Amino acid sequence: GEMAALSEAGVRVMLGGHPVPDARSVSAATAVASLLESHRGPRTLVLCLVSGGGSALLCSPVEPLSLDDLGAAADSFLASGMRIDEINVCRRALETLKGGGLAAAAHPSAVLGLVLSDVVGDPVEMIASGPTVPPTAPLTADGLGRLLRTYHLGAGATHALPAPVLDALRRAAEDLPDRPPAADGASRTLLVGNNAASLRAAARAAVARGYGTAILGDSVQ
């Protein structure tokens, strides 16, 4: 099967939980961080393929959060009806490899991120929580307060987040964690696929089979 073919080709495959991260997700993130550390250098190129689902599959909790904390937070986010971009704003604040953290961990290696978008509008910092992209709009105290009120995530609310998660979000909103910058000009992130490209390909295939087609838009959410 596919897994056997990848293994024969020398590709190491690590599975993880989705949409809620599990212990395999943490093991995968730990392995990635270790690999980056052991090979980083100014002559190293890190090729990072990113797609939707990466937020759960690559899980690296900030201290002192546990996997259980992040799993409970994921359950609350999903139950509350938060949009994926809003969830990923929070995830970036709760984990070390998100929000440009992977690129920072690879420094001074060059990093090339190739992104397959599953987020409306294709904001690369939101897709899989942007492991190679520092956030242009980090979590703020006002933004966090709005999310907690809108989605009833505060202490005692319908979808209350665990207390350690609330504390971590508040700390992040007040004081963004320091991360070493990626080397100047050494980190790039490119969008290689999105909803619009998929729609165009589907339309071409339909036309080739004699169907009339009309693309009504790629921004429905």
N, C-alpha and C. Protein backbone atom coordinates (compact mmCIF):
# COMPACT_ATOMS: atom_id res chain seq x y z
N GLY A 1 0.81 -1.19 0.00
CA GLY A 1 0.00 0.00 0.00
C GLY A 1 0.85 1.25 0.00
N GLU A 2 0.20 2.38 0.18
CA GLU A 2 0.89 3.67 0.14
C GLU A 2 1.96 3.78 1.21
N MET A 3 1.65 3.34 2.43
CA MET A 3 2.62 3.44 3.52
C MET A 3 3.86 2.62 3.22
N ALA A 4 3.67 1.41 2.67
CA ALA A 4 4.80 0.55 2.35
C ALA A 4 5.67 1.18 1.27
N ALA A 5 5.03 1.80 0.27
CA ALA A 5 5.79 2.43 -0.81
C ALA A 5 6.62 3.59 -0.29
N LEU A 6 6.04 4.37 0.61
CA LEU A 6 6.78 5.50 1.20
C LEU A 6 7.96 4.99 2.01
N SER A 7 7.73 3.95 2.80
CA SER A 7 8.79 3.38 3.61
C SER A 7 9.94 2.86 2.74
N GLU A 8 9.60 2.19 1.65
CA GLU A 8 10.61 1.67 0.74
C GLU A 8 11.41 2.80 0.09
N ALA A 9 10.77 3.95 -0.07
CA ALA A 9 11.45 5.11 -0.67
C ALA A 9 12.27 5.89 0.35
N GLY A 10 12.28 5.41 1.61
CA GLY A 10 13.07 6.08 2.63
C GLY A 10 12.37 7.22 3.31
N VAL A 11 11.03 7.30 3.15
CA VAL A 11 10.26 8.37 3.77
C VAL A 11 9.72 7.89 5.12
N ARG A 12 10.04 8.60 6.17
CA ARG A 12 9.55 8.24 7.49
C ARG A 12 8.16 8.84 7.67
N VAL A 13 7.18 8.02 7.95
CA VAL A 13 5.80 8.47 8.11
C VAL A 13 5.42 8.41 9.58
N MET A 14 4.89 9.52 10.10
CA MET A 14 4.41 9.58 11.48
C MET A 14 2.97 10.03 11.45
N LEU A 15 2.10 9.28 12.08
CA LEU A 15 0.68 9.58 12.09
C LEU A 15 0.34 10.43 13.31
N GLY A 16 -0.83 11.06 13.26
CA GLY A 16 -1.29 11.87 14.38
C GLY A 16 -2.80 11.93 14.41
N GLY A 17 -3.34 12.47 15.49
CA GLY A 17 -4.79 12.57 15.64
C GLY A 17 -5.34 13.81 14.95
N HIS A 18 -6.58 13.73 14.49
CA HIS A 18 -7.25 14.85 13.83
C HIS A 18 -8.76 14.65 13.92
N PRO A 19 -9.54 15.69 14.27
CA PRO A 19 -9.15 17.09 14.47
C PRO A 19 -8.60 17.39 15.86
N VAL A 20 -8.65 16.40 16.77
CA VAL A 20 -8.10 16.61 18.11
C VAL A 20 -6.73 15.93 18.18
N PRO A 21 -5.67 16.65 18.55
CA PRO A 21 -4.34 16.05 18.61
C PRO A 21 -4.28 14.94 19.65
N ASP A 22 -3.38 13.97 19.41
CA ASP A 22 -3.18 12.90 20.37
C ASP A 22 -1.69 12.71 20.62
N ALA A 23 -1.35 11.66 21.37
CA ALA A 23 0.05 11.44 21.73
C ALA A 23 0.93 11.28 20.50
N ARG A 24 0.38 10.72 19.42
CA ARG A 24 1.16 10.58 18.19
C ARG A 24 1.49 11.94 17.60
N SER A 25 0.57 12.90 17.75
CA SER A 25 0.80 14.25 17.25
C SER A 25 1.97 14.91 17.98
N VAL A 26 2.04 14.68 19.28
CA VAL A 26 3.14 15.22 20.08
C VAL A 26 4.46 14.55 19.70
N SER A 27 4.42 13.23 19.52
CA SER A 27 5.62 12.50 19.11
C SER A 27 6.14 13.00 17.77
N ALA A 28 5.22 13.27 16.84
CA ALA A 28 5.62 13.77 15.53
C ALA A 28 6.29 15.13 15.65
N ALA A 29 5.70 16.02 16.46
CA ALA A 29 6.27 17.36 16.64
C ALA A 29 7.65 17.28 17.30
N THR A 30 7.78 16.39 18.29
CA THR A 30 9.07 16.22 18.96
C THR A 30 10.12 15.73 17.98
N ALA A 31 9.73 14.79 17.11
CA ALA A 31 10.67 14.27 16.12
C ALA A 31 11.08 15.34 15.12
N VAL A 32 10.12 16.17 14.70
CA VAL A 32 10.42 17.25 13.76
C VAL A 32 11.39 18.25 14.41
N ALA A 33 11.10 18.64 15.64
CA ALA A 33 11.98 19.60 16.34
C ALA A 33 13.39 19.04 16.49
N SER A 34 13.49 17.75 16.82
CA SER A 34 14.80 17.12 16.96
C SER A 34 15.55 17.08 15.64
N LEU A 35 14.82 16.78 14.56
CA LEU A 35 15.43 16.73 13.23
C LEU A 35 15.95 18.11 12.82
N LEU A 36 15.17 19.14 13.08
CA LEU A 36 15.59 20.49 12.75
C LEU A 36 16.85 20.87 13.52
N GLU A 37 16.86 20.54 14.82
CA GLU A 37 18.00 20.91 15.65
C GLU A 37 19.28 20.20 15.22
N SER A 38 19.15 18.93 14.85
CA SER A 38 20.34 18.14 14.53
C SER A 38 20.93 18.49 13.17
N HIS A 39 20.15 19.13 12.29
CA HIS A 39 20.64 19.44 10.95
C HIS A 39 20.74 20.93 10.65
N ARG A 40 20.39 21.77 11.60
CA ARG A 40 20.33 23.19 11.25
C ARG A 40 21.72 23.77 11.02
N GLY A 41 21.75 24.68 10.06
CA GLY A 41 22.99 25.33 9.68
C GLY A 41 22.75 26.20 8.46
N PRO A 42 23.65 27.14 8.18
CA PRO A 42 23.43 28.08 7.07
C PRO A 42 23.42 27.42 5.70
N ARG A 43 23.87 26.19 5.59
CA ARG A 43 23.87 25.50 4.29
C ARG A 43 22.78 24.42 4.22
N THR A 44 21.88 24.42 5.18
CA THR A 44 20.79 23.45 5.20
C THR A 44 19.51 24.06 4.63
N LEU A 45 18.81 23.32 3.78
CA LEU A 45 17.52 23.73 3.26
C LEU A 45 16.45 22.82 3.84
N VAL A 46 15.47 23.41 4.51
CA VAL A 46 14.34 22.67 5.05
C VAL A 46 13.14 22.87 4.13
N LEU A 47 12.65 21.79 3.55
CA LEU A 47 11.47 21.84 2.69
C LEU A 47 10.28 21.41 3.53
N CYS A 48 9.33 22.31 3.71
CA CYS A 48 8.19 22.07 4.60
C CYS A 48 6.90 22.10 3.80
N LEU A 49 6.25 20.94 3.67
CA LEU A 49 4.99 20.83 2.94
C LEU A 49 3.86 20.95 3.95
N VAL A 50 3.00 21.94 3.75
CA VAL A 50 1.98 22.28 4.75
C VAL A 50 0.60 22.18 4.12
N SER A 51 -0.33 21.55 4.84
CA SER A 51 -1.71 21.50 4.37
C SER A 51 -2.66 21.56 5.55
N GLY A 52 -3.94 21.72 5.25
CA GLY A 52 -4.94 21.72 6.29
C GLY A 52 -4.88 20.43 7.09
N GLY A 53 -5.10 20.52 8.39
CA GLY A 53 -4.97 19.37 9.28
C GLY A 53 -3.66 19.36 10.02
N GLY A 54 -2.70 20.15 9.54
CA GLY A 54 -1.39 20.17 10.17
C GLY A 54 -1.40 20.68 11.60
N SER A 55 -2.38 21.50 11.94
CA SER A 55 -2.45 22.01 13.31
C SER A 55 -2.59 20.89 14.32
N ALA A 56 -3.44 19.90 14.02
CA ALA A 56 -3.65 18.79 14.95
C ALA A 56 -2.56 17.74 14.82
N LEU A 57 -2.03 17.55 13.63
CA LEU A 57 -1.06 16.48 13.40
C LEU A 57 0.31 16.81 13.97
N LEU A 58 0.62 18.09 14.12
CA LEU A 58 1.91 18.54 14.64
C LEU A 58 1.63 19.33 15.91
N CYS A 59 1.76 18.68 17.06
CA CYS A 59 1.31 19.27 18.33
C CYS A 59 2.48 19.45 19.29
N SER A 60 2.75 20.69 19.66
CA SER A 60 3.91 21.00 20.52
C SER A 60 3.49 21.99 21.60
N PRO A 61 2.88 21.52 22.68
CA PRO A 61 2.35 22.44 23.70
C PRO A 61 3.43 23.31 24.34
N VAL A 62 3.09 24.57 24.57
CA VAL A 62 3.98 25.42 25.37
C VAL A 62 3.89 24.98 26.82
N GLU A 63 4.97 25.16 27.56
CA GLU A 63 4.93 24.83 28.98
C GLU A 63 4.03 25.82 29.71
N PRO A 64 3.26 25.37 30.70
CA PRO A 64 3.20 24.03 31.28
C PRO A 64 2.03 23.20 30.75
N LEU A 65 1.53 23.51 29.55
CA LEU A 65 0.35 22.82 29.03
C LEU A 65 0.65 21.36 28.72
N SER A 66 -0.38 20.54 28.88
CA SER A 66 -0.28 19.12 28.56
C SER A 66 -1.09 18.82 27.30
N LEU A 67 -0.91 17.62 26.78
CA LEU A 67 -1.70 17.18 25.64
C LEU A 67 -3.19 17.18 26.00
N ASP A 68 -3.52 16.77 27.21
CA ASP A 68 -4.92 16.77 27.63
C ASP A 68 -5.50 18.17 27.60
N ASP A 69 -4.69 19.16 28.00
CA ASP A 69 -5.15 20.56 27.95
C ASP A 69 -5.49 20.95 26.52
N LEU A 70 -4.60 20.62 25.59
CA LEU A 70 -4.82 21.01 24.20
C LEU A 70 -5.98 20.23 23.60
N GLY A 71 -6.13 18.97 23.98
CA GLY A 71 -7.26 18.19 23.48
C GLY A 71 -8.58 18.75 23.96
N ALA A 72 -8.64 19.13 25.24
CA ALA A 72 -9.86 19.74 25.78
C ALA A 72 -10.13 21.08 25.12
N ALA A 73 -9.06 21.84 24.84
CA ALA A 73 -9.24 23.13 24.17
C ALA A 73 -9.78 22.92 22.76
N ALA A 74 -9.24 21.93 22.05
CA ALA A 74 -9.72 21.63 20.69
C ALA A 74 -11.20 21.26 20.72
N ASP A 75 -11.60 20.46 21.69
CA ASP A 75 -13.02 20.09 21.82
C ASP A 75 -13.88 21.33 22.03
N SER A 76 -13.42 22.25 22.90
CA SER A 76 -14.18 23.47 23.17
C SER A 76 -14.26 24.36 21.94
N PHE A 77 -13.13 24.52 21.24
CA PHE A 77 -13.13 25.35 20.04
C PHE A 77 -14.15 24.81 19.02
N LEU A 78 -14.10 23.50 18.78
CA LEU A 78 -14.98 22.91 17.77
C LEU A 78 -16.44 22.98 18.19
N ALA A 79 -16.72 22.72 19.47
CA ALA A 79 -18.11 22.75 19.95
C ALA A 79 -18.68 24.15 19.93
N SER A 80 -17.81 25.15 20.06
CA SER A 80 -18.29 26.53 20.15
C SER A 80 -18.69 27.12 18.81
N GLY A 81 -18.25 26.48 17.70
CA GLY A 81 -18.54 27.01 16.38
C GLY A 81 -17.54 28.03 15.88
N MET A 82 -16.37 28.11 16.49
CA MET A 82 -15.33 29.03 16.02
C MET A 82 -14.92 28.72 14.60
N ARG A 83 -14.60 29.77 13.81
CA ARG A 83 -14.05 29.57 12.48
C ARG A 83 -12.63 29.03 12.60
N ILE A 84 -12.17 28.34 11.54
CA ILE A 84 -10.84 27.75 11.58
C ILE A 84 -9.76 28.81 11.75
N ASP A 85 -9.92 29.98 11.15
CA ASP A 85 -8.89 31.01 11.30
C ASP A 85 -8.83 31.51 12.74
N GLU A 86 -9.98 31.57 13.43
CA GLU A 86 -10.00 32.00 14.82
C GLU A 86 -9.37 30.93 15.73
N ILE A 87 -9.67 29.67 15.43
CA ILE A 87 -9.06 28.58 16.20
C ILE A 87 -7.54 28.63 16.06
N ASN A 88 -7.07 28.86 14.85
CA ASN A 88 -5.63 28.84 14.62
C ASN A 88 -4.91 30.03 15.24
N VAL A 89 -5.60 31.16 15.41
CA VAL A 89 -5.01 32.27 16.15
C VAL A 89 -4.68 31.82 17.57
N CYS A 90 -5.60 31.08 18.17
CA CYS A 90 -5.38 30.57 19.52
C CYS A 90 -4.32 29.48 19.54
N ARG A 91 -4.38 28.58 18.58
CA ARG A 91 -3.39 27.50 18.53
C ARG A 91 -1.97 28.03 18.43
N ARG A 92 -1.78 29.09 17.66
CA ARG A 92 -0.44 29.66 17.52
C ARG A 92 0.12 30.10 18.86
N ALA A 93 -0.77 30.55 19.75
CA ALA A 93 -0.33 31.03 21.06
C ALA A 93 -0.10 29.90 22.05
N LEU A 94 -0.57 28.69 21.73
CA LEU A 94 -0.51 27.58 22.68
C LEU A 94 0.56 26.56 22.36
N GLU A 95 1.23 26.72 21.20
CA GLU A 95 2.21 25.72 20.78
C GLU A 95 3.47 26.37 20.24
N THR A 96 4.58 25.65 20.34
CA THR A 96 5.88 26.24 20.01
C THR A 96 6.22 26.21 18.53
N LEU A 97 5.69 25.26 17.75
CA LEU A 97 6.06 25.15 16.34
C LEU A 97 5.11 25.90 15.42
N LYS A 98 4.05 26.47 15.97
CA LYS A 98 3.09 27.20 15.15
C LYS A 98 3.46 28.69 15.12
N GLY A 99 2.80 29.44 14.23
CA GLY A 99 3.07 30.88 14.16
C GLY A 99 4.51 31.20 13.85
N GLY A 100 5.11 30.46 12.91
CA GLY A 100 6.51 30.69 12.54
C GLY A 100 7.50 29.95 13.42
N GLY A 101 7.01 29.18 14.39
CA GLY A 101 7.89 28.50 15.31
C GLY A 101 8.78 27.45 14.66
N LEU A 102 8.27 26.77 13.63
CA LEU A 102 9.09 25.77 12.95
C LEU A 102 10.26 26.44 12.24
N ALA A 103 9.99 27.54 11.55
CA ALA A 103 11.07 28.25 10.87
C ALA A 103 12.09 28.78 11.87
N ALA A 104 11.59 29.26 13.03
CA ALA A 104 12.49 29.76 14.06
C ALA A 104 13.36 28.63 14.61
N ALA A 105 12.76 27.44 14.80
CA ALA A 105 13.51 26.31 15.32
C ALA A 105 14.58 25.84 14.34
N ALA A 106 14.36 26.09 13.04
CA ALA A 106 15.32 25.68 12.02
C ALA A 106 16.47 26.68 11.85
N HIS A 107 16.32 27.88 12.34
CA HIS A 107 17.33 28.93 12.18
C HIS A 107 18.71 28.44 12.62
N PRO A 108 19.76 28.68 11.81
CA PRO A 108 19.85 29.54 10.63
C PRO A 108 19.64 28.83 9.29
N SER A 109 19.02 27.67 9.28
CA SER A 109 18.74 26.98 8.02
C SER A 109 17.77 27.80 7.17
N ALA A 110 17.86 27.62 5.86
CA ALA A 110 16.87 28.19 4.96
C ALA A 110 15.62 27.30 4.99
N VAL A 111 14.45 27.93 4.97
CA VAL A 111 13.19 27.18 5.04
C VAL A 111 12.32 27.58 3.86
N LEU A 112 11.82 26.59 3.14
CA LEU A 112 10.86 26.83 2.06
C LEU A 112 9.57 26.11 2.42
N GLY A 113 8.52 26.88 2.67
CA GLY A 113 7.21 26.31 2.98
C GLY A 113 6.34 26.30 1.73
N LEU A 114 5.80 25.14 1.38
CA LEU A 114 4.89 24.99 0.24
C LEU A 114 3.52 24.63 0.81
N VAL A 115 2.53 25.51 0.59
CA VAL A 115 1.27 25.44 1.34
C VAL A 115 0.10 25.10 0.43
N LEU A 116 -0.68 24.11 0.86
CA LEU A 116 -1.95 23.75 0.22
C LEU A 116 -3.05 24.27 1.14
N SER A 117 -3.79 25.26 0.67
CA SER A 117 -4.73 25.98 1.53
C SER A 117 -6.06 25.26 1.71
N ASP A 118 -6.55 25.28 2.95
CA ASP A 118 -7.92 24.84 3.22
C ASP A 118 -8.70 25.94 3.94
N VAL A 119 -8.17 27.18 3.89
CA VAL A 119 -8.78 28.31 4.59
C VAL A 119 -9.24 29.35 3.56
N VAL A 120 -10.47 29.82 3.69
CA VAL A 120 -11.00 30.82 2.77
C VAL A 120 -10.12 32.07 2.78
N GLY A 121 -9.75 32.54 1.60
CA GLY A 121 -8.89 33.71 1.49
C GLY A 121 -7.42 33.39 1.45
N ASP A 122 -7.04 32.16 1.78
CA ASP A 122 -5.64 31.69 1.68
C ASP A 122 -4.64 32.46 2.54
N PRO A 123 -4.97 32.83 3.78
CA PRO A 123 -3.95 33.47 4.62
C PRO A 123 -2.94 32.42 5.09
N VAL A 124 -1.73 32.46 4.55
CA VAL A 124 -0.77 31.38 4.81
C VAL A 124 -0.42 31.26 6.29
N GLU A 125 -0.55 32.34 7.05
CA GLU A 125 -0.24 32.25 8.47
C GLU A 125 -1.30 31.47 9.24
N MET A 126 -2.46 31.25 8.63
CA MET A 126 -3.53 30.52 9.30
C MET A 126 -3.56 29.04 8.94
N ILE A 127 -3.03 28.68 7.79
CA ILE A 127 -3.12 27.31 7.31
C ILE A 127 -2.18 26.42 8.13
N ALA A 128 -2.74 25.42 8.81
CA ALA A 128 -1.99 24.59 9.76
C ALA A 128 -1.33 25.46 10.83
N SER A 129 -1.91 26.61 11.09
CA SER A 129 -1.42 27.58 12.09
C SER A 129 -0.06 28.16 11.74
N GLY A 130 0.29 28.13 10.45
CA GLY A 130 1.47 28.84 9.95
C GLY A 130 2.80 28.46 10.56
N PRO A 131 3.23 27.20 10.46
CA PRO A 131 4.51 26.82 11.07
C PRO A 131 5.72 27.55 10.51
N THR A 132 5.64 28.02 9.27
CA THR A 132 6.78 28.72 8.66
C THR A 132 6.54 30.22 8.53
N VAL A 133 5.42 30.71 9.08
CA VAL A 133 5.03 32.11 8.84
C VAL A 133 4.76 32.84 10.17
N PRO A 134 5.60 33.81 10.53
CA PRO A 134 5.29 34.61 11.73
C PRO A 134 3.96 35.33 11.54
N PRO A 135 3.12 35.39 12.57
CA PRO A 135 1.80 36.01 12.42
C PRO A 135 1.89 37.50 12.20
N THR A 136 1.10 38.00 11.24
CA THR A 136 1.02 39.44 11.04
C THR A 136 0.01 40.07 11.99
N ALA A 137 -0.89 39.25 12.52
CA ALA A 137 -1.90 39.74 13.46
C ALA A 137 -1.93 38.82 14.67
N PRO A 138 -0.95 38.94 15.58
CA PRO A 138 -0.91 38.06 16.74
C PRO A 138 -2.08 38.30 17.68
N LEU A 139 -2.30 37.36 18.55
CA LEU A 139 -3.38 37.45 19.53
C LEU A 139 -3.17 38.64 20.45
N THR A 140 -4.21 39.44 20.61
CA THR A 140 -4.16 40.59 21.51
C THR A 140 -5.15 40.39 22.65
N ALA A 141 -4.99 41.20 23.69
CA ALA A 141 -5.91 41.10 24.83
C ALA A 141 -7.35 41.39 24.39
N ASP A 142 -7.53 42.41 23.55
CA ASP A 142 -8.88 42.73 23.07
C ASP A 142 -9.43 41.60 22.21
N GLY A 143 -8.60 41.07 21.32
CA GLY A 143 -9.04 39.99 20.46
C GLY A 143 -9.40 38.74 21.25
N LEU A 144 -8.59 38.43 22.25
CA LEU A 144 -8.88 37.27 23.09
C LEU A 144 -10.19 37.47 23.84
N GLY A 145 -10.39 38.65 24.39
CA GLY A 145 -11.64 38.92 25.10
C GLY A 145 -12.86 38.75 24.21
N ARG A 146 -12.73 39.22 22.97
CA ARG A 146 -13.85 39.08 22.04
C ARG A 146 -14.16 37.61 21.76
N LEU A 147 -13.12 36.82 21.54
CA LEU A 147 -13.32 35.40 21.26
C LEU A 147 -13.96 34.68 22.45
N LEU A 148 -13.48 35.00 23.64
CA LEU A 148 -14.02 34.33 24.83
C LEU A 148 -15.49 34.66 25.03
N ARG A 149 -15.86 35.92 24.75
CA ARG A 149 -17.26 36.33 24.92
C ARG A 149 -18.13 35.76 23.80
N THR A 150 -17.67 35.89 22.57
CA THR A 150 -18.48 35.47 21.42
C THR A 150 -18.78 33.98 21.44
N TYR A 151 -17.79 33.19 21.82
CA TYR A 151 -17.94 31.74 21.74
C TYR A 151 -18.10 31.07 23.11
N HIS A 152 -18.29 31.87 24.15
CA HIS A 152 -18.59 31.35 25.49
C HIS A 152 -17.52 30.37 25.95
N LEU A 153 -16.27 30.85 25.89
CA LEU A 153 -15.11 30.01 26.21
C LEU A 153 -14.49 30.33 27.57
N GLY A 154 -14.95 31.38 28.22
CA GLY A 154 -14.38 31.80 29.48
C GLY A 154 -14.74 30.86 30.63
N ALA A 155 -14.13 31.07 31.77
CA ALA A 155 -14.36 30.23 32.95
C ALA A 155 -15.85 30.20 33.29
N GLY A 156 -16.40 29.00 33.44
CA GLY A 156 -17.80 28.84 33.80
C GLY A 156 -18.77 28.96 32.66
N ALA A 157 -18.28 29.29 31.45
CA ALA A 157 -19.17 29.45 30.30
C ALA A 157 -19.50 28.09 29.68
N THR A 158 -20.38 28.12 28.69
CA THR A 158 -20.87 26.87 28.07
C THR A 158 -19.74 26.01 27.52
N HIS A 159 -18.77 26.63 26.87
CA HIS A 159 -17.66 25.89 26.25
C HIS A 159 -16.34 26.27 26.92
N ALA A 160 -16.36 26.35 28.23
CA ALA A 160 -15.21 26.85 28.99
C ALA A 160 -13.93 26.10 28.65
N LEU A 161 -12.88 26.88 28.40
CA LEU A 161 -11.55 26.31 28.18
C LEU A 161 -10.94 25.92 29.53
N PRO A 162 -10.05 24.93 29.54
CA PRO A 162 -9.35 24.58 30.79
C PRO A 162 -8.60 25.80 31.33
N ALA A 163 -8.52 25.90 32.65
CA ALA A 163 -7.86 27.05 33.27
C ALA A 163 -6.42 27.24 32.78
N PRO A 164 -5.61 26.17 32.64
CA PRO A 164 -4.24 26.39 32.15
C PRO A 164 -4.20 26.97 30.74
N VAL A 165 -5.18 26.60 29.91
CA VAL A 165 -5.24 27.13 28.54
C VAL A 165 -5.62 28.61 28.57
N LEU A 166 -6.59 28.96 29.37
CA LEU A 166 -6.96 30.38 29.51
C LEU A 166 -5.77 31.20 29.98
N ASP A 167 -5.04 30.67 30.95
CA ASP A 167 -3.86 31.38 31.47
C ASP A 167 -2.82 31.56 30.37
N ALA A 168 -2.59 30.50 29.59
CA ALA A 168 -1.59 30.58 28.52
C ALA A 168 -2.00 31.57 27.45
N LEU A 169 -3.28 31.59 27.09
CA LEU A 169 -3.76 32.55 26.10
C LEU A 169 -3.61 33.98 26.60
N ARG A 170 -3.92 34.20 27.86
CA ARG A 170 -3.78 35.55 28.41
C ARG A 170 -2.33 35.99 28.45
N ARG A 171 -1.44 35.09 28.81
CA ARG A 171 -0.01 35.43 28.81
C ARG A 171 0.46 35.77 27.41
N ALA A 172 0.02 34.97 26.42
CA ALA A 172 0.43 35.21 25.04
C ALA A 172 -0.11 36.54 24.53
N ALA A 173 -1.34 36.87 24.92
CA ALA A 173 -1.95 38.12 24.47
C ALA A 173 -1.26 39.33 25.08
N GLU A 174 -0.72 39.16 26.26
CA GLU A 174 -0.06 40.28 26.94
C GLU A 174 1.40 40.41 26.55
N ASP A 175 2.03 39.27 26.27
CA ASP A 175 3.47 39.29 26.00
C ASP A 175 3.82 38.14 25.08
N LEU A 176 3.91 38.40 23.77
CA LEU A 176 4.21 37.35 22.81
C LEU A 176 5.54 36.70 23.14
N PRO A 177 5.63 35.37 23.05
CA PRO A 177 6.88 34.68 23.38
C PRO A 177 8.00 35.09 22.42
N ASP A 178 9.19 35.22 22.98
CA ASP A 178 10.35 35.56 22.14
C ASP A 178 10.78 34.33 21.36
N ARG A 179 10.99 34.53 20.07
CA ARG A 179 11.50 33.46 19.22
C ARG A 179 12.62 34.01 18.37
N PRO A 180 13.70 33.22 18.15
CA PRO A 180 14.76 33.70 17.28
C PRO A 180 14.25 33.92 15.87
N PRO A 181 14.59 35.04 15.25
CA PRO A 181 14.09 35.30 13.90
C PRO A 181 14.69 34.36 12.88
N ALA A 182 13.94 34.08 11.82
CA ALA A 182 14.51 33.32 10.71
C ALA A 182 15.60 34.16 10.05
N ALA A 183 16.59 33.49 9.46
CA ALA A 183 17.67 34.21 8.80
C ALA A 183 17.11 35.11 7.71
N ASP A 184 17.71 36.30 7.58
CA ASP A 184 17.22 37.26 6.60
C ASP A 184 17.19 36.64 5.22
N GLY A 185 16.02 36.66 4.59
CA GLY A 185 15.89 36.16 3.24
C GLY A 185 15.97 34.65 3.11
N ALA A 186 16.09 33.95 4.26
CA ALA A 186 16.30 32.51 4.20
C ALA A 186 15.01 31.72 4.37
N SER A 187 13.92 32.38 4.67
CA SER A 187 12.66 31.68 4.88
C SER A 187 11.61 32.24 3.92
N ARG A 188 11.03 31.34 3.11
CA ARG A 188 9.98 31.74 2.17
C ARG A 188 8.83 30.77 2.27
N THR A 189 7.62 31.27 2.05
CA THR A 189 6.43 30.43 2.06
C THR A 189 5.63 30.73 0.81
N LEU A 190 5.30 29.68 0.04
CA LEU A 190 4.60 29.84 -1.22
C LEU A 190 3.29 29.06 -1.19
N LEU A 191 2.24 29.65 -1.72
CA LEU A 191 0.95 28.98 -1.86
C LEU A 191 0.97 28.16 -3.15
N VAL A 192 0.76 26.86 -3.06
CA VAL A 192 0.83 26.00 -4.25
C VAL A 192 -0.53 25.41 -4.64
N GLY A 193 -1.55 25.59 -3.81
CA GLY A 193 -2.88 25.08 -4.15
C GLY A 193 -3.92 25.64 -3.23
N ASN A 194 -5.15 25.85 -3.77
CA ASN A 194 -6.23 26.42 -2.95
C ASN A 194 -7.57 26.07 -3.56
N ASN A 195 -8.64 26.59 -2.97
CA ASN A 195 -9.98 26.31 -3.47
C ASN A 195 -10.16 26.76 -4.92
N ALA A 196 -9.64 27.95 -5.23
CA ALA A 196 -9.81 28.49 -6.57
C ALA A 196 -9.17 27.58 -7.62
N ALA A 197 -7.97 27.09 -7.34
CA ALA A 197 -7.30 26.20 -8.28
C ALA A 197 -8.08 24.89 -8.44
N SER A 198 -8.63 24.38 -7.34
CA SER A 198 -9.41 23.15 -7.41
C SER A 198 -10.67 23.36 -8.24
N LEU A 199 -11.33 24.49 -8.06
CA LEU A 199 -12.54 24.78 -8.83
C LEU A 199 -12.24 24.90 -10.32
N ARG A 200 -11.14 25.57 -10.65
CA ARG A 200 -10.78 25.71 -12.07
C ARG A 200 -10.49 24.35 -12.69
N ALA A 201 -9.79 23.49 -11.95
CA ALA A 201 -9.49 22.16 -12.47
C ALA A 201 -10.76 21.34 -12.65
N ALA A 202 -11.68 21.44 -11.68
CA ALA A 202 -12.95 20.71 -11.79
C ALA A 202 -13.76 21.22 -12.97
N ALA A 203 -13.75 22.54 -13.18
CA ALA A 203 -14.50 23.12 -14.30
C ALA A 203 -13.93 22.65 -15.64
N ARG A 204 -12.59 22.61 -15.75
CA ARG A 204 -11.97 22.13 -17.00
C ARG A 204 -12.35 20.68 -17.27
N ALA A 205 -12.34 19.85 -16.21
CA ALA A 205 -12.69 18.44 -16.39
C ALA A 205 -14.15 18.30 -16.81
N ALA A 206 -15.03 19.13 -16.22
CA ALA A 206 -16.45 19.06 -16.59
C ALA A 206 -16.68 19.50 -18.02
N VAL A 207 -16.02 20.59 -18.43
CA VAL A 207 -16.16 21.08 -19.81
C VAL A 207 -15.67 20.02 -20.80
N ALA A 208 -14.56 19.35 -20.46
CA ALA A 208 -14.02 18.32 -21.34
C ALA A 208 -15.00 17.17 -21.54
N ARG A 209 -15.93 17.01 -20.60
CA ARG A 209 -16.93 15.95 -20.70
C ARG A 209 -18.26 16.47 -21.22
N GLY A 210 -18.26 17.72 -21.70
CA GLY A 210 -19.44 18.26 -22.34
C GLY A 210 -20.42 18.98 -21.44
N TYR A 211 -20.05 19.23 -20.20
CA TYR A 211 -20.95 19.92 -19.28
C TYR A 211 -20.74 21.44 -19.36
N GLY A 212 -21.85 22.19 -19.25
CA GLY A 212 -21.71 23.63 -19.06
C GLY A 212 -21.39 23.90 -17.60
N THR A 213 -20.48 24.81 -17.34
CA THR A 213 -20.04 25.04 -15.96
C THR A 213 -20.07 26.52 -15.64
N ALA A 214 -20.23 26.82 -14.36
CA ALA A 214 -20.12 28.19 -13.85
C ALA A 214 -19.59 28.12 -12.44
N ILE A 215 -18.48 28.78 -12.19
CA ILE A 215 -17.89 28.83 -10.85
C ILE A 215 -18.56 29.97 -10.08
N LEU A 216 -19.24 29.64 -9.02
CA LEU A 216 -20.01 30.64 -8.27
C LEU A 216 -19.19 31.34 -7.19
N GLY A 217 -17.96 30.91 -6.99
CA GLY A 217 -17.11 31.56 -6.00
C GLY A 217 -16.35 30.55 -5.19
N ASP A 218 -15.31 31.01 -4.52
CA ASP A 218 -14.48 30.12 -3.71
C ASP A 218 -14.38 30.59 -2.26
N SER A 219 -15.33 31.44 -1.85
CA SER A 219 -15.22 32.04 -0.51
C SER A 219 -16.38 31.68 0.40
N VAL A 220 -17.05 30.56 0.14
CA VAL A 220 -18.17 30.14 0.98
C VAL A 220 -17.61 29.47 2.23
N GLN A 221 -18.12 29.86 3.40
CA GLN A 221 -17.70 29.21 4.63
C GLN A 221 -18.84 29.19 5.63
